[in-house]
N, C-alpha and C. Protein backbone atom coordinates (compact mmCIF):
# COMPACT_ATOMS: atom_id res chain seq x y z
N MET A 1 -10.19 -4.79 -20.32
CA MET A 1 -10.53 -3.72 -19.39
C MET A 1 -9.34 -3.43 -18.49
N CYS A 2 -9.06 -2.15 -18.28
CA CYS A 2 -7.93 -1.71 -17.46
C CYS A 2 -8.27 -1.84 -15.98
N LYS A 3 -7.31 -2.27 -15.19
CA LYS A 3 -7.46 -2.38 -13.75
C LYS A 3 -6.54 -1.37 -13.10
N ARG A 4 -7.05 -0.58 -12.16
CA ARG A 4 -6.23 0.42 -11.49
C ARG A 4 -5.63 -0.16 -10.22
N PHE A 5 -4.32 -0.04 -10.10
CA PHE A 5 -3.58 -0.48 -8.93
C PHE A 5 -3.03 0.75 -8.21
N VAL A 6 -3.04 0.72 -6.90
CA VAL A 6 -2.58 1.86 -6.10
C VAL A 6 -1.49 1.40 -5.15
N VAL A 7 -0.43 2.19 -5.07
CA VAL A 7 0.65 1.93 -4.11
C VAL A 7 0.68 3.10 -3.13
N VAL A 8 0.58 2.80 -1.84
CA VAL A 8 0.74 3.80 -0.80
C VAL A 8 2.11 3.56 -0.21
N TYR A 9 2.95 4.59 -0.20
CA TYR A 9 4.36 4.42 0.13
C TYR A 9 4.88 5.58 0.96
N GLU A 10 6.10 5.40 1.49
CA GLU A 10 6.74 6.44 2.31
C GLU A 10 7.62 7.36 1.47
N ALA A 11 8.38 6.80 0.55
CA ALA A 11 9.35 7.57 -0.23
C ALA A 11 9.24 7.18 -1.70
N PRO A 12 9.60 8.09 -2.62
CA PRO A 12 9.50 7.78 -4.05
C PRO A 12 10.23 6.50 -4.46
N ALA A 13 11.34 6.19 -3.81
CA ALA A 13 12.05 4.95 -4.13
C ALA A 13 11.20 3.73 -3.81
N ASP A 14 10.36 3.82 -2.77
CA ASP A 14 9.46 2.72 -2.43
C ASP A 14 8.45 2.49 -3.55
N PHE A 15 7.92 3.58 -4.11
CA PHE A 15 6.97 3.48 -5.21
C PHE A 15 7.63 2.80 -6.41
N ALA A 16 8.83 3.25 -6.75
CA ALA A 16 9.54 2.69 -7.91
C ALA A 16 9.83 1.20 -7.69
N THR A 17 10.29 0.84 -6.52
CA THR A 17 10.62 -0.56 -6.24
C THR A 17 9.36 -1.43 -6.25
N ALA A 18 8.32 -0.98 -5.58
CA ALA A 18 7.09 -1.77 -5.49
C ALA A 18 6.45 -1.97 -6.86
N THR A 19 6.39 -0.92 -7.66
CA THR A 19 5.75 -1.06 -8.97
C THR A 19 6.58 -1.92 -9.91
N GLU A 20 7.90 -1.81 -9.83
CA GLU A 20 8.75 -2.65 -10.70
C GLU A 20 8.61 -4.13 -10.33
N LEU A 21 8.66 -4.44 -9.04
CA LEU A 21 8.50 -5.83 -8.61
C LEU A 21 7.12 -6.37 -8.97
N ALA A 22 6.09 -5.57 -8.74
CA ALA A 22 4.74 -6.01 -9.08
C ALA A 22 4.58 -6.20 -10.58
N ASP A 23 5.16 -5.31 -11.38
CA ASP A 23 5.08 -5.45 -12.84
C ASP A 23 5.75 -6.74 -13.31
N ARG A 24 6.87 -7.08 -12.70
CA ARG A 24 7.54 -8.33 -13.07
C ARG A 24 6.63 -9.53 -12.80
N GLU A 25 6.00 -9.53 -11.63
CA GLU A 25 5.11 -10.63 -11.27
C GLU A 25 3.88 -10.68 -12.17
N LEU A 26 3.32 -9.51 -12.46
CA LEU A 26 2.16 -9.47 -13.35
C LEU A 26 2.51 -9.95 -14.75
N ALA A 27 3.67 -9.52 -15.25
CA ALA A 27 4.10 -9.95 -16.59
C ALA A 27 4.29 -11.45 -16.63
N ALA A 28 4.86 -12.01 -15.59
CA ALA A 28 5.06 -13.46 -15.54
C ALA A 28 3.72 -14.18 -15.45
N ALA A 29 2.81 -13.68 -14.62
CA ALA A 29 1.51 -14.32 -14.46
C ALA A 29 0.68 -14.25 -15.74
N CYS A 30 0.84 -13.16 -16.48
CA CYS A 30 0.09 -12.99 -17.74
C CYS A 30 0.86 -13.55 -18.94
N ARG A 31 2.04 -14.10 -18.66
CA ARG A 31 2.90 -14.66 -19.70
C ARG A 31 3.22 -13.64 -20.80
N LEU A 32 3.57 -12.43 -20.37
CA LEU A 32 3.95 -11.38 -21.30
C LEU A 32 5.46 -11.40 -21.48
N ASN A 33 5.92 -11.22 -22.70
CA ASN A 33 7.36 -11.18 -22.96
C ASN A 33 7.94 -9.82 -22.64
N ASP A 34 7.13 -8.79 -22.71
CA ASP A 34 7.61 -7.43 -22.53
C ASP A 34 6.79 -6.76 -21.44
N VAL A 35 7.45 -6.31 -20.37
CA VAL A 35 6.76 -5.65 -19.27
C VAL A 35 6.02 -4.41 -19.77
N GLN A 36 6.51 -3.78 -20.84
CA GLN A 36 5.85 -2.59 -21.38
C GLN A 36 4.41 -2.88 -21.81
N GLN A 37 4.10 -4.11 -22.15
CA GLN A 37 2.74 -4.47 -22.54
C GLN A 37 1.76 -4.27 -21.38
N LEU A 38 2.26 -4.26 -20.18
CA LEU A 38 1.39 -4.07 -19.02
C LEU A 38 0.73 -2.70 -19.01
N GLU A 39 1.35 -1.72 -19.64
CA GLU A 39 0.79 -0.37 -19.65
C GLU A 39 -0.63 -0.35 -20.19
N THR A 40 -0.95 -1.27 -21.08
CA THR A 40 -2.31 -1.32 -21.63
C THR A 40 -3.27 -2.08 -20.73
N LEU A 41 -2.74 -2.82 -19.76
CA LEU A 41 -3.58 -3.64 -18.89
C LEU A 41 -3.86 -3.01 -17.53
N ARG A 42 -2.90 -2.26 -17.03
CA ARG A 42 -3.07 -1.69 -15.70
C ARG A 42 -2.31 -0.37 -15.54
N PRO A 43 -3.00 0.66 -15.14
CA PRO A 43 -2.27 1.88 -14.76
C PRO A 43 -2.01 1.88 -13.25
N TRP A 44 -0.86 2.40 -12.86
CA TRP A 44 -0.62 2.65 -11.44
C TRP A 44 -1.23 4.01 -11.14
N ALA A 45 -1.80 4.16 -9.96
CA ALA A 45 -2.34 5.46 -9.57
C ALA A 45 -1.21 6.45 -9.59
N GLY A 46 -1.48 7.66 -10.06
CA GLY A 46 -0.45 8.69 -10.18
C GLY A 46 0.26 8.96 -8.89
N GLU A 47 1.53 9.26 -9.01
CA GLU A 47 2.33 9.51 -7.81
C GLU A 47 1.78 10.69 -7.01
N GLU A 48 1.21 11.69 -7.69
CA GLU A 48 0.67 12.84 -6.97
C GLU A 48 -0.48 12.40 -6.05
N PHE A 49 -1.35 11.52 -6.55
CA PHE A 49 -2.44 11.02 -5.71
C PHE A 49 -1.88 10.30 -4.49
N VAL A 50 -0.91 9.44 -4.73
CA VAL A 50 -0.38 8.63 -3.63
C VAL A 50 0.34 9.51 -2.62
N ARG A 51 1.03 10.54 -3.09
CA ARG A 51 1.68 11.46 -2.17
C ARG A 51 0.61 12.09 -1.27
N ASN A 52 -0.53 12.48 -1.86
CA ASN A 52 -1.62 13.05 -1.06
C ASN A 52 -2.14 12.02 -0.07
N ALA A 53 -2.29 10.78 -0.50
CA ALA A 53 -2.76 9.72 0.40
C ALA A 53 -1.79 9.56 1.56
N SER A 54 -0.49 9.57 1.28
CA SER A 54 0.51 9.42 2.34
C SER A 54 0.44 10.59 3.30
N ASP A 55 0.18 11.80 2.78
CA ASP A 55 0.04 12.96 3.65
C ASP A 55 -1.17 12.81 4.56
N VAL A 56 -2.27 12.31 4.02
CA VAL A 56 -3.47 12.11 4.82
C VAL A 56 -3.21 11.10 5.93
N VAL A 57 -2.52 10.02 5.59
CA VAL A 57 -2.23 8.98 6.58
C VAL A 57 -1.31 9.52 7.67
N GLY A 58 -0.33 10.32 7.28
CA GLY A 58 0.65 10.81 8.24
C GLY A 58 0.18 11.98 9.08
N ASP A 59 -0.93 12.61 8.71
CA ASP A 59 -1.37 13.82 9.39
C ASP A 59 -2.86 13.70 9.70
N SER A 60 -3.19 13.52 10.96
CA SER A 60 -4.59 13.30 11.32
C SER A 60 -5.46 14.50 10.97
N ARG A 61 -4.90 15.73 10.97
CA ARG A 61 -5.70 16.89 10.58
C ARG A 61 -6.08 16.81 9.11
N SER A 62 -5.15 16.36 8.26
CA SER A 62 -5.46 16.19 6.84
C SER A 62 -6.54 15.14 6.65
N ALA A 63 -6.45 14.06 7.41
CA ALA A 63 -7.46 13.00 7.31
C ALA A 63 -8.83 13.55 7.68
N ARG A 64 -8.90 14.32 8.76
CA ARG A 64 -10.19 14.89 9.17
C ARG A 64 -10.73 15.84 8.12
N SER A 65 -9.83 16.58 7.43
CA SER A 65 -10.29 17.53 6.41
C SER A 65 -10.94 16.82 5.23
N THR A 66 -10.63 15.55 5.01
CA THR A 66 -11.26 14.78 3.93
C THR A 66 -12.51 14.06 4.42
N GLY A 67 -12.82 14.20 5.71
CA GLY A 67 -14.00 13.55 6.26
C GLY A 67 -13.74 12.14 6.76
N LEU A 68 -12.48 11.71 6.76
CA LEU A 68 -12.16 10.36 7.23
C LEU A 68 -12.13 10.33 8.75
N ARG A 69 -12.79 9.34 9.29
CA ARG A 69 -12.76 9.09 10.73
C ARG A 69 -12.47 7.61 10.89
N VAL A 70 -11.29 7.30 11.35
CA VAL A 70 -10.94 5.89 11.54
C VAL A 70 -10.60 5.66 13.01
N HIS A 71 -10.85 4.45 13.45
CA HIS A 71 -10.62 4.09 14.83
C HIS A 71 -9.50 3.05 14.91
N GLY A 72 -8.95 2.87 16.09
CA GLY A 72 -7.76 2.05 16.23
C GLY A 72 -7.95 0.64 16.71
N HIS A 73 -9.18 0.14 16.83
CA HIS A 73 -9.39 -1.24 17.28
C HIS A 73 -9.80 -2.12 16.10
N PHE A 74 -9.34 -3.36 16.12
CA PHE A 74 -9.58 -4.33 15.06
C PHE A 74 -10.08 -5.61 15.70
N ASP A 75 -11.31 -5.98 15.38
CA ASP A 75 -11.92 -7.17 15.99
C ASP A 75 -11.84 -7.12 17.51
N GLY A 76 -12.06 -5.93 18.06
CA GLY A 76 -12.05 -5.77 19.52
C GLY A 76 -10.67 -5.67 20.13
N GLN A 77 -9.62 -5.77 19.32
CA GLN A 77 -8.24 -5.71 19.82
C GLN A 77 -7.61 -4.37 19.41
N PRO A 78 -6.74 -3.82 20.25
CA PRO A 78 -6.06 -2.59 19.86
C PRO A 78 -5.21 -2.80 18.60
N GLY A 79 -5.12 -1.77 17.79
CA GLY A 79 -4.31 -1.85 16.58
C GLY A 79 -2.83 -1.89 16.91
N LEU A 80 -2.11 -2.73 16.19
CA LEU A 80 -0.66 -2.79 16.32
C LEU A 80 -0.05 -1.65 15.50
N PRO A 81 1.27 -1.45 15.56
CA PRO A 81 1.87 -0.36 14.80
C PRO A 81 1.47 -0.38 13.33
N ASP A 82 1.06 0.76 12.83
CA ASP A 82 0.66 1.02 11.44
C ASP A 82 -0.73 0.52 11.06
N ALA A 83 -1.42 -0.17 11.94
CA ALA A 83 -2.75 -0.67 11.60
C ALA A 83 -3.72 0.47 11.32
N LYS A 84 -3.76 1.46 12.19
CA LYS A 84 -4.68 2.59 12.00
C LYS A 84 -4.29 3.41 10.77
N ALA A 85 -3.01 3.63 10.57
CA ALA A 85 -2.55 4.38 9.39
C ALA A 85 -2.92 3.64 8.11
N ALA A 86 -2.78 2.32 8.12
CA ALA A 86 -3.13 1.53 6.93
C ALA A 86 -4.64 1.58 6.70
N ARG A 87 -5.42 1.50 7.75
CA ARG A 87 -6.89 1.60 7.62
C ARG A 87 -7.25 2.95 7.02
N CYS A 88 -6.60 4.00 7.46
CA CYS A 88 -6.85 5.34 6.94
C CYS A 88 -6.47 5.43 5.46
N ALA A 89 -5.32 4.87 5.10
CA ALA A 89 -4.87 4.90 3.70
C ALA A 89 -5.84 4.15 2.80
N ILE A 90 -6.28 2.98 3.24
CA ILE A 90 -7.22 2.17 2.44
C ILE A 90 -8.54 2.93 2.27
N ALA A 91 -9.04 3.54 3.35
CA ALA A 91 -10.29 4.29 3.27
C ALA A 91 -10.15 5.48 2.32
N TYR A 92 -9.02 6.17 2.39
CA TYR A 92 -8.79 7.32 1.51
C TYR A 92 -8.73 6.89 0.05
N VAL A 93 -8.01 5.81 -0.23
CA VAL A 93 -7.91 5.30 -1.60
C VAL A 93 -9.29 4.94 -2.13
N LEU A 94 -10.06 4.21 -1.36
CA LEU A 94 -11.38 3.76 -1.82
C LEU A 94 -12.35 4.92 -1.98
N ARG A 95 -12.22 5.94 -1.15
CA ARG A 95 -13.09 7.11 -1.27
C ARG A 95 -12.72 7.95 -2.48
N THR A 96 -11.44 8.02 -2.80
CA THR A 96 -10.96 8.93 -3.83
C THR A 96 -10.86 8.29 -5.21
N LEU A 97 -10.47 7.04 -5.28
CA LEU A 97 -10.25 6.36 -6.56
C LEU A 97 -11.13 5.11 -6.65
N ASP A 98 -12.30 5.27 -7.20
CA ASP A 98 -13.17 4.11 -7.35
C ASP A 98 -13.39 3.87 -8.83
N PRO A 99 -13.22 2.71 -9.37
CA PRO A 99 -12.88 1.45 -8.73
C PRO A 99 -11.37 1.25 -8.62
N VAL A 100 -10.99 0.44 -7.68
CA VAL A 100 -9.59 0.06 -7.47
C VAL A 100 -9.51 -1.46 -7.52
N ALA A 101 -8.58 -1.99 -8.31
CA ALA A 101 -8.43 -3.44 -8.43
C ALA A 101 -7.59 -4.02 -7.30
N ALA A 102 -6.60 -3.25 -6.82
CA ALA A 102 -5.72 -3.73 -5.75
C ALA A 102 -4.98 -2.56 -5.13
N ILE A 103 -4.55 -2.76 -3.90
CA ILE A 103 -3.75 -1.76 -3.18
C ILE A 103 -2.48 -2.44 -2.69
N VAL A 104 -1.37 -1.72 -2.78
CA VAL A 104 -0.09 -2.19 -2.24
C VAL A 104 0.32 -1.20 -1.16
N LEU A 105 0.51 -1.68 0.06
CA LEU A 105 0.97 -0.84 1.17
C LEU A 105 2.46 -1.13 1.37
N VAL A 106 3.29 -0.11 1.19
CA VAL A 106 4.74 -0.29 1.29
C VAL A 106 5.25 0.56 2.45
N ARG A 107 5.93 -0.09 3.38
CA ARG A 107 6.48 0.59 4.56
C ARG A 107 7.87 0.06 4.86
N ASP A 108 8.62 0.84 5.61
CA ASP A 108 9.88 0.37 6.18
C ASP A 108 9.56 -0.25 7.53
N ALA A 109 10.24 -1.31 7.87
CA ALA A 109 9.99 -1.95 9.17
C ALA A 109 10.47 -1.07 10.32
N ASP A 110 11.55 -0.31 10.10
CA ASP A 110 12.10 0.57 11.13
C ASP A 110 12.28 -0.13 12.47
N HIS A 111 12.71 -1.40 12.42
CA HIS A 111 12.98 -2.21 13.61
C HIS A 111 11.76 -2.38 14.50
N GLN A 112 10.56 -2.26 13.93
CA GLN A 112 9.32 -2.50 14.67
C GLN A 112 8.74 -3.83 14.17
N THR A 113 9.00 -4.88 14.92
CA THR A 113 8.63 -6.22 14.48
C THR A 113 7.12 -6.40 14.34
N GLU A 114 6.32 -5.61 15.02
CA GLU A 114 4.87 -5.76 14.95
C GLU A 114 4.25 -4.99 13.79
N ARG A 115 5.04 -4.25 13.03
CA ARG A 115 4.49 -3.42 11.95
C ARG A 115 3.76 -4.26 10.90
N ARG A 116 4.33 -5.40 10.51
CA ARG A 116 3.66 -6.26 9.52
C ARG A 116 2.31 -6.72 10.05
N GLN A 117 2.26 -7.12 11.31
CA GLN A 117 0.99 -7.58 11.90
C GLN A 117 -0.05 -6.46 11.92
N GLY A 118 0.40 -5.24 12.15
CA GLY A 118 -0.51 -4.10 12.12
C GLY A 118 -1.08 -3.87 10.73
N LEU A 119 -0.22 -3.96 9.72
CA LEU A 119 -0.70 -3.82 8.34
C LEU A 119 -1.67 -4.95 7.99
N GLU A 120 -1.39 -6.14 8.48
CA GLU A 120 -2.28 -7.27 8.22
C GLU A 120 -3.62 -7.10 8.93
N GLN A 121 -3.63 -6.48 10.10
CA GLN A 121 -4.90 -6.20 10.77
C GLN A 121 -5.81 -5.36 9.86
N ALA A 122 -5.24 -4.33 9.26
CA ALA A 122 -6.02 -3.46 8.38
C ALA A 122 -6.44 -4.20 7.11
N ARG A 123 -5.55 -5.01 6.57
CA ARG A 123 -5.85 -5.75 5.34
C ARG A 123 -7.01 -6.72 5.55
N ARG A 124 -7.08 -7.37 6.68
CA ARG A 124 -8.13 -8.36 6.95
C ARG A 124 -9.53 -7.77 6.95
N GLU A 125 -9.64 -6.45 7.11
CA GLU A 125 -10.96 -5.83 7.14
C GLU A 125 -11.66 -5.84 5.79
N LEU A 126 -10.91 -5.98 4.71
CA LEU A 126 -11.48 -5.99 3.35
C LEU A 126 -11.03 -7.24 2.62
N PRO A 127 -11.54 -8.39 2.98
CA PRO A 127 -11.07 -9.62 2.35
C PRO A 127 -11.39 -9.71 0.85
N SER A 128 -12.35 -8.91 0.36
CA SER A 128 -12.71 -8.98 -1.06
C SER A 128 -11.78 -8.15 -1.94
N LEU A 129 -10.96 -7.28 -1.35
CA LEU A 129 -10.04 -6.44 -2.12
C LEU A 129 -8.61 -6.95 -1.95
N PRO A 130 -7.92 -7.24 -3.05
CA PRO A 130 -6.51 -7.65 -2.91
C PRO A 130 -5.67 -6.48 -2.36
N ILE A 131 -5.06 -6.71 -1.20
CA ILE A 131 -4.18 -5.73 -0.58
C ILE A 131 -2.87 -6.43 -0.28
N ALA A 132 -1.82 -6.00 -0.97
CA ALA A 132 -0.49 -6.59 -0.76
C ALA A 132 0.29 -5.70 0.21
N ILE A 133 1.15 -6.33 0.97
CA ILE A 133 2.00 -5.62 1.92
C ILE A 133 3.44 -5.79 1.49
N GLY A 134 4.14 -4.67 1.37
CA GLY A 134 5.57 -4.69 1.11
C GLY A 134 6.26 -4.07 2.31
N LEU A 135 7.10 -4.82 2.98
CA LEU A 135 7.76 -4.33 4.19
C LEU A 135 9.26 -4.47 4.01
N ALA A 136 9.95 -3.35 3.99
CA ALA A 136 11.41 -3.36 3.83
C ALA A 136 12.04 -3.67 5.19
N VAL A 137 12.76 -4.79 5.24
CA VAL A 137 13.40 -5.25 6.47
C VAL A 137 14.89 -5.40 6.21
N PRO A 138 15.74 -4.69 6.97
CA PRO A 138 17.18 -4.86 6.77
C PRO A 138 17.61 -6.29 7.10
N CYS A 139 18.45 -6.87 6.24
CA CYS A 139 18.95 -8.23 6.47
C CYS A 139 20.16 -8.22 7.40
N GLY A 140 20.85 -7.15 7.45
CA GLY A 140 22.03 -7.02 8.30
C GLY A 140 22.32 -5.56 8.46
N LYS A 141 23.38 -5.26 9.18
CA LYS A 141 23.68 -3.85 9.45
C LYS A 141 23.80 -3.06 8.16
N HIS A 142 24.50 -3.60 7.18
CA HIS A 142 24.66 -2.90 5.90
C HIS A 142 24.24 -3.76 4.74
N GLY A 143 23.46 -4.83 4.99
CA GLY A 143 23.07 -5.76 3.96
C GLY A 143 21.92 -5.24 3.11
N PRO A 144 21.52 -6.04 2.12
CA PRO A 144 20.42 -5.65 1.24
C PRO A 144 19.09 -5.69 1.98
N LEU A 145 18.08 -5.09 1.40
CA LEU A 145 16.75 -5.07 1.98
C LEU A 145 15.88 -6.10 1.33
N ARG A 146 15.00 -6.71 2.10
CA ARG A 146 13.99 -7.63 1.55
C ARG A 146 12.67 -6.89 1.51
N ILE A 147 11.89 -7.16 0.47
CA ILE A 147 10.54 -6.58 0.41
C ILE A 147 9.58 -7.71 0.18
């Protein structure tokens, strides 16, 4: 049975990087010799869908037009950076693409150290759904990025 995986991202390069890294890990976990074999096991949600999801997350008017109403507190605490946007993205994905096996949220850190914690606040709300976080953090002024 095919499992649908969704990546919510900022830029097309983020989608390409996240799906390639995830495919490598899935191939290793499934002991596949050829990553191409994964195509029969899991489709990634189409880039057009994810672009729409990113638009909804980035524009509160678009979110309202889909009927999404999300709030910014998590367990009684205010949401940290990106927590509300991640909650909105997760809600949009689940409303639009059912069933979903897993979601990958990919963001740039943009020198906001609390961004990962904000994404984790949103992830904790759905412990039954695998939600991975990919956060691009510069290692140095011109060094490589970690995800």
